[in-house]
Amino acid sequence: MHVEGFFGWLGQALGEMIRFIVDGLSGLFNLLANAGGNFIDGLARTLGMDTSLVSILALIVGLMLLYSAVRAFMRASIILGIIWALLGLWVLSWVVH
């Protein structure tokens, strides 16, 4: 009887420890998800754009094109820099209203 009580106690202690870890991680992930959602909402509200996934991806692509333009200008490639800049501005003008 004493052995069953020990293993019952051990199982309960292990279950409580696992439950504590799961609850802590759940709270952490909920906190991160809310922070990410608030960040996207604030960014979209400031830029005057939608919060859809397509709009966010278009914003990222536009910024990457502008980054490519800056890199092209730094390499003294004027024509390619102008092309990248125009493409980037065109994509960003499509996203930001």
N, C-alpha and C. Protein backbone atom coordinates (compact mmCIF):
# COMPACT_ATOMS: atom_id res chain seq x y z
N MET A 1 0.80 -1.19 0.00
CA MET A 1 0.00 0.00 0.00
C MET A 1 0.85 1.27 0.00
N HIS A 2 1.94 1.21 0.69
CA HIS A 2 2.81 2.36 0.78
C HIS A 2 3.43 2.70 -0.58
N VAL A 3 3.71 1.68 -1.38
CA VAL A 3 4.31 1.89 -2.70
C VAL A 3 3.31 2.59 -3.62
N GLU A 4 2.04 2.18 -3.59
CA GLU A 4 1.03 2.81 -4.43
C GLU A 4 0.87 4.28 -4.06
N GLY A 5 0.95 4.59 -2.79
CA GLY A 5 0.83 5.99 -2.35
C GLY A 5 1.99 6.83 -2.86
N PHE A 6 3.20 6.25 -2.85
CA PHE A 6 4.36 6.98 -3.33
C PHE A 6 4.24 7.27 -4.82
N PHE A 7 3.88 6.26 -5.61
CA PHE A 7 3.79 6.47 -7.05
C PHE A 7 2.59 7.36 -7.42
N GLY A 8 1.54 7.28 -6.63
CA GLY A 8 0.43 8.20 -6.85
C GLY A 8 0.85 9.64 -6.60
N TRP A 9 1.60 9.83 -5.52
CA TRP A 9 2.10 11.16 -5.21
C TRP A 9 3.06 11.64 -6.28
N LEU A 10 3.95 10.76 -6.75
CA LEU A 10 4.92 11.11 -7.78
C LEU A 10 4.22 11.49 -9.09
N GLY A 11 3.19 10.72 -9.44
CA GLY A 11 2.44 11.04 -10.65
C GLY A 11 1.72 12.37 -10.54
N GLN A 12 1.16 12.62 -9.39
CA GLN A 12 0.46 13.89 -9.18
C GLN A 12 1.44 15.06 -9.22
N ALA A 13 2.60 14.91 -8.59
CA ALA A 13 3.60 15.98 -8.60
C ALA A 13 4.10 16.24 -10.02
N LEU A 14 4.35 15.18 -10.78
CA LEU A 14 4.80 15.33 -12.16
C LEU A 14 3.71 15.98 -13.02
N GLY A 15 2.45 15.59 -12.81
CA GLY A 15 1.34 16.18 -13.55
C GLY A 15 1.18 17.66 -13.25
N GLU A 16 1.34 18.04 -11.97
CA GLU A 16 1.25 19.45 -11.60
C GLU A 16 2.38 20.26 -12.21
N MET A 17 3.57 19.68 -12.26
CA MET A 17 4.71 20.36 -12.84
C MET A 17 4.51 20.56 -14.34
N ILE A 18 4.02 19.53 -15.03
CA ILE A 18 3.76 19.64 -16.47
C ILE A 18 2.65 20.66 -16.72
N ARG A 19 1.62 20.66 -15.89
CA ARG A 19 0.52 21.61 -16.04
C ARG A 19 1.01 23.04 -15.84
N PHE A 20 1.91 23.26 -14.88
CA PHE A 20 2.47 24.58 -14.64
C PHE A 20 3.26 25.06 -15.86
N ILE A 21 4.05 24.19 -16.44
CA ILE A 21 4.85 24.54 -17.63
C ILE A 21 3.93 24.85 -18.81
N VAL A 22 2.91 24.03 -19.03
CA VAL A 22 1.99 24.24 -20.15
C VAL A 22 1.23 25.54 -19.97
N ASP A 23 0.75 25.83 -18.76
CA ASP A 23 0.05 27.08 -18.52
C ASP A 23 0.96 28.29 -18.72
N GLY A 24 2.20 28.18 -18.29
CA GLY A 24 3.17 29.27 -18.47
C GLY A 24 3.46 29.52 -19.94
N LEU A 25 3.68 28.46 -20.70
CA LEU A 25 3.95 28.62 -22.13
C LEU A 25 2.72 29.13 -22.87
N SER A 26 1.55 28.69 -22.47
CA SER A 26 0.32 29.18 -23.09
C SER A 26 0.17 30.68 -22.86
N GLY A 27 0.42 31.12 -21.66
CA GLY A 27 0.36 32.55 -21.37
C GLY A 27 1.39 33.35 -22.15
N LEU A 28 2.60 32.81 -22.27
CA LEU A 28 3.65 33.48 -23.01
C LEU A 28 3.28 33.61 -24.49
N PHE A 29 2.78 32.52 -25.08
CA PHE A 29 2.42 32.57 -26.50
C PHE A 29 1.22 33.47 -26.74
N ASN A 30 0.27 33.52 -25.81
CA ASN A 30 -0.85 34.44 -25.94
C ASN A 30 -0.38 35.89 -25.86
N LEU A 31 0.58 36.14 -24.98
CA LEU A 31 1.14 37.48 -24.86
C LEU A 31 1.84 37.90 -26.15
N LEU A 32 2.63 37.00 -26.72
CA LEU A 32 3.33 37.30 -27.98
C LEU A 32 2.36 37.48 -29.13
N ALA A 33 1.31 36.68 -29.19
CA ALA A 33 0.33 36.80 -30.26
C ALA A 33 -0.41 38.13 -30.15
N ASN A 34 -0.79 38.53 -28.95
CA ASN A 34 -1.46 39.82 -28.77
C ASN A 34 -0.54 40.98 -29.11
N ALA A 35 0.73 40.87 -28.74
CA ALA A 35 1.68 41.94 -29.06
C ALA A 35 1.87 42.05 -30.57
N GLY A 36 1.98 40.91 -31.25
CA GLY A 36 2.13 40.93 -32.71
C GLY A 36 0.90 41.49 -33.39
N GLY A 37 -0.26 41.11 -32.92
CA GLY A 37 -1.50 41.64 -33.49
C GLY A 37 -1.63 43.14 -33.28
N ASN A 38 -1.29 43.61 -32.09
CA ASN A 38 -1.33 45.04 -31.82
C ASN A 38 -0.32 45.80 -32.67
N PHE A 39 0.85 45.20 -32.89
CA PHE A 39 1.87 45.84 -33.73
C PHE A 39 1.37 45.98 -35.16
N ILE A 40 0.80 44.91 -35.71
CA ILE A 40 0.29 44.94 -37.08
C ILE A 40 -0.86 45.94 -37.20
N ASP A 41 -1.76 45.96 -36.22
CA ASP A 41 -2.87 46.91 -36.25
C ASP A 41 -2.38 48.36 -36.20
N GLY A 42 -1.41 48.63 -35.34
CA GLY A 42 -0.86 49.99 -35.25
C GLY A 42 -0.14 50.39 -36.52
N LEU A 43 0.64 49.48 -37.09
CA LEU A 43 1.35 49.76 -38.34
C LEU A 43 0.38 50.03 -39.47
N ALA A 44 -0.64 49.20 -39.58
CA ALA A 44 -1.62 49.36 -40.65
C ALA A 44 -2.42 50.65 -40.47
N ARG A 45 -2.78 50.97 -39.24
CA ARG A 45 -3.55 52.17 -38.98
C ARG A 45 -2.72 53.42 -39.30
N THR A 46 -1.43 53.40 -38.96
CA THR A 46 -0.57 54.54 -39.22
C THR A 46 -0.34 54.74 -40.71
N LEU A 47 -0.14 53.65 -41.44
CA LEU A 47 0.10 53.75 -42.87
C LEU A 47 -1.18 53.87 -43.68
N GLY A 48 -2.32 53.63 -43.08
CA GLY A 48 -3.59 53.71 -43.78
C GLY A 48 -3.81 52.55 -44.72
N MET A 49 -3.41 51.37 -44.32
CA MET A 49 -3.56 50.19 -45.16
C MET A 49 -4.38 49.13 -44.45
N ASP A 50 -4.75 48.09 -45.19
CA ASP A 50 -5.51 46.99 -44.61
C ASP A 50 -4.59 46.10 -43.79
N THR A 51 -5.18 45.31 -42.91
CA THR A 51 -4.39 44.39 -42.09
C THR A 51 -4.38 42.98 -42.68
N SER A 52 -4.70 42.85 -43.97
CA SER A 52 -4.73 41.53 -44.57
C SER A 52 -3.31 41.03 -44.82
N LEU A 53 -3.20 39.74 -44.98
CA LEU A 53 -1.90 39.12 -45.21
C LEU A 53 -1.30 39.58 -46.53
N VAL A 54 -2.13 39.79 -47.53
CA VAL A 54 -1.64 40.25 -48.84
C VAL A 54 -1.04 41.64 -48.72
N SER A 55 -1.69 42.52 -47.97
CA SER A 55 -1.17 43.88 -47.79
C SER A 55 0.15 43.88 -47.04
N ILE A 56 0.26 43.06 -46.01
CA ILE A 56 1.50 42.98 -45.24
C ILE A 56 2.63 42.43 -46.11
N LEU A 57 2.33 41.39 -46.90
CA LEU A 57 3.35 40.83 -47.79
C LEU A 57 3.76 41.83 -48.86
N ALA A 58 2.81 42.59 -49.40
CA ALA A 58 3.14 43.61 -50.40
C ALA A 58 4.00 44.71 -49.78
N LEU A 59 3.73 45.06 -48.54
CA LEU A 59 4.55 46.05 -47.85
C LEU A 59 5.98 45.55 -47.71
N ILE A 60 6.14 44.30 -47.32
CA ILE A 60 7.47 43.72 -47.17
C ILE A 60 8.20 43.67 -48.50
N VAL A 61 7.49 43.27 -49.57
CA VAL A 61 8.11 43.21 -50.90
C VAL A 61 8.53 44.60 -51.35
N GLY A 62 7.67 45.60 -51.14
CA GLY A 62 8.01 46.97 -51.52
C GLY A 62 9.23 47.49 -50.78
N LEU A 63 9.30 47.21 -49.49
CA LEU A 63 10.47 47.64 -48.72
C LEU A 63 11.73 46.91 -49.16
N MET A 64 11.60 45.64 -49.53
CA MET A 64 12.77 44.90 -50.03
C MET A 64 13.24 45.46 -51.37
N LEU A 65 12.30 45.88 -52.22
CA LEU A 65 12.67 46.49 -53.50
C LEU A 65 13.38 47.83 -53.28
N LEU A 66 12.92 48.61 -52.33
CA LEU A 66 13.60 49.86 -52.02
C LEU A 66 14.99 49.61 -51.44
N TYR A 67 15.12 48.56 -50.64
CA TYR A 67 16.43 48.19 -50.10
C TYR A 67 17.37 47.79 -51.24
N SER A 68 16.84 47.06 -52.22
CA SER A 68 17.65 46.69 -53.38
C SER A 68 18.06 47.93 -54.18
N ALA A 69 17.19 48.92 -54.23
CA ALA A 69 17.53 50.16 -54.93
C ALA A 69 18.68 50.88 -54.23
N VAL A 70 18.63 50.93 -52.91
CA VAL A 70 19.70 51.59 -52.16
C VAL A 70 21.01 50.84 -52.37
N ARG A 71 20.97 49.51 -52.35
CA ARG A 71 22.19 48.73 -52.58
C ARG A 71 22.72 48.95 -53.99
N ALA A 72 21.83 49.06 -54.97
CA ALA A 72 22.26 49.29 -56.35
C ALA A 72 22.90 50.68 -56.47
N PHE A 73 22.33 51.68 -55.82
CA PHE A 73 22.93 53.02 -55.86
C PHE A 73 24.29 53.03 -55.18
N MET A 74 24.44 52.25 -54.12
CA MET A 74 25.74 52.19 -53.44
C MET A 74 26.80 51.50 -54.30
N ARG A 75 26.37 50.63 -55.19
CA ARG A 75 27.31 49.99 -56.12
C ARG A 75 27.52 50.83 -57.37
N ALA A 76 26.96 52.02 -57.39
CA ALA A 76 27.05 52.96 -58.51
C ALA A 76 26.37 52.43 -59.76
N SER A 77 25.32 51.66 -59.59
CA SER A 77 24.52 51.17 -60.70
C SER A 77 23.24 52.01 -60.74
N ILE A 78 23.33 53.14 -61.45
CA ILE A 78 22.26 54.13 -61.44
C ILE A 78 20.99 53.59 -62.10
N ILE A 79 21.11 52.96 -63.26
CA ILE A 79 19.94 52.49 -64.00
C ILE A 79 19.19 51.43 -63.19
N LEU A 80 19.91 50.44 -62.67
CA LEU A 80 19.28 49.39 -61.88
C LEU A 80 18.68 49.96 -60.59
N GLY A 81 19.35 50.93 -59.99
CA GLY A 81 18.81 51.57 -58.79
C GLY A 81 17.51 52.29 -59.07
N ILE A 82 17.43 52.98 -60.20
CA ILE A 82 16.19 53.66 -60.56
C ILE A 82 15.08 52.66 -60.81
N ILE A 83 15.39 51.55 -61.48
CA ILE A 83 14.38 50.52 -61.74
C ILE A 83 13.86 49.93 -60.45
N TRP A 84 14.77 49.55 -59.54
CA TRP A 84 14.34 48.98 -58.25
C TRP A 84 13.53 49.99 -57.46
N ALA A 85 13.95 51.27 -57.47
CA ALA A 85 13.25 52.29 -56.71
C ALA A 85 11.84 52.50 -57.27
N LEU A 86 11.71 52.56 -58.58
CA LEU A 86 10.38 52.74 -59.17
C LEU A 86 9.47 51.55 -58.88
N LEU A 87 10.02 50.34 -58.98
CA LEU A 87 9.22 49.16 -58.65
C LEU A 87 8.79 49.16 -57.18
N GLY A 88 9.72 49.49 -56.30
CA GLY A 88 9.41 49.53 -54.87
C GLY A 88 8.37 50.58 -54.54
N LEU A 89 8.51 51.76 -55.13
CA LEU A 89 7.53 52.82 -54.88
C LEU A 89 6.17 52.46 -55.47
N TRP A 90 6.16 51.78 -56.61
CA TRP A 90 4.90 51.38 -57.22
C TRP A 90 4.18 50.38 -56.32
N VAL A 91 4.91 49.39 -55.79
CA VAL A 91 4.29 48.40 -54.89
C VAL A 91 3.81 49.07 -53.62
N LEU A 92 4.62 49.96 -53.05
CA LEU A 92 4.21 50.63 -51.82
C LEU A 92 3.04 51.57 -52.04
N SER A 93 2.95 52.19 -53.21
CA SER A 93 1.81 53.06 -53.48
C SER A 93 0.53 52.25 -53.65
N TRP A 94 0.67 51.00 -54.07
CA TRP A 94 -0.48 50.11 -54.19
C TRP A 94 -1.00 49.71 -52.80
N VAL A 95 -0.08 49.58 -51.85
CA VAL A 95 -0.45 49.12 -50.50
C VAL A 95 -0.93 50.26 -49.62
N VAL A 96 -0.14 51.33 -49.57
CA VAL A 96 -0.42 52.44 -48.66
C VAL A 96 -1.36 53.41 -49.37
N HIS A 97 -2.45 53.75 -48.70
CA HIS A 97 -3.46 54.65 -49.30
C HIS A 97 -3.24 56.06 -48.85
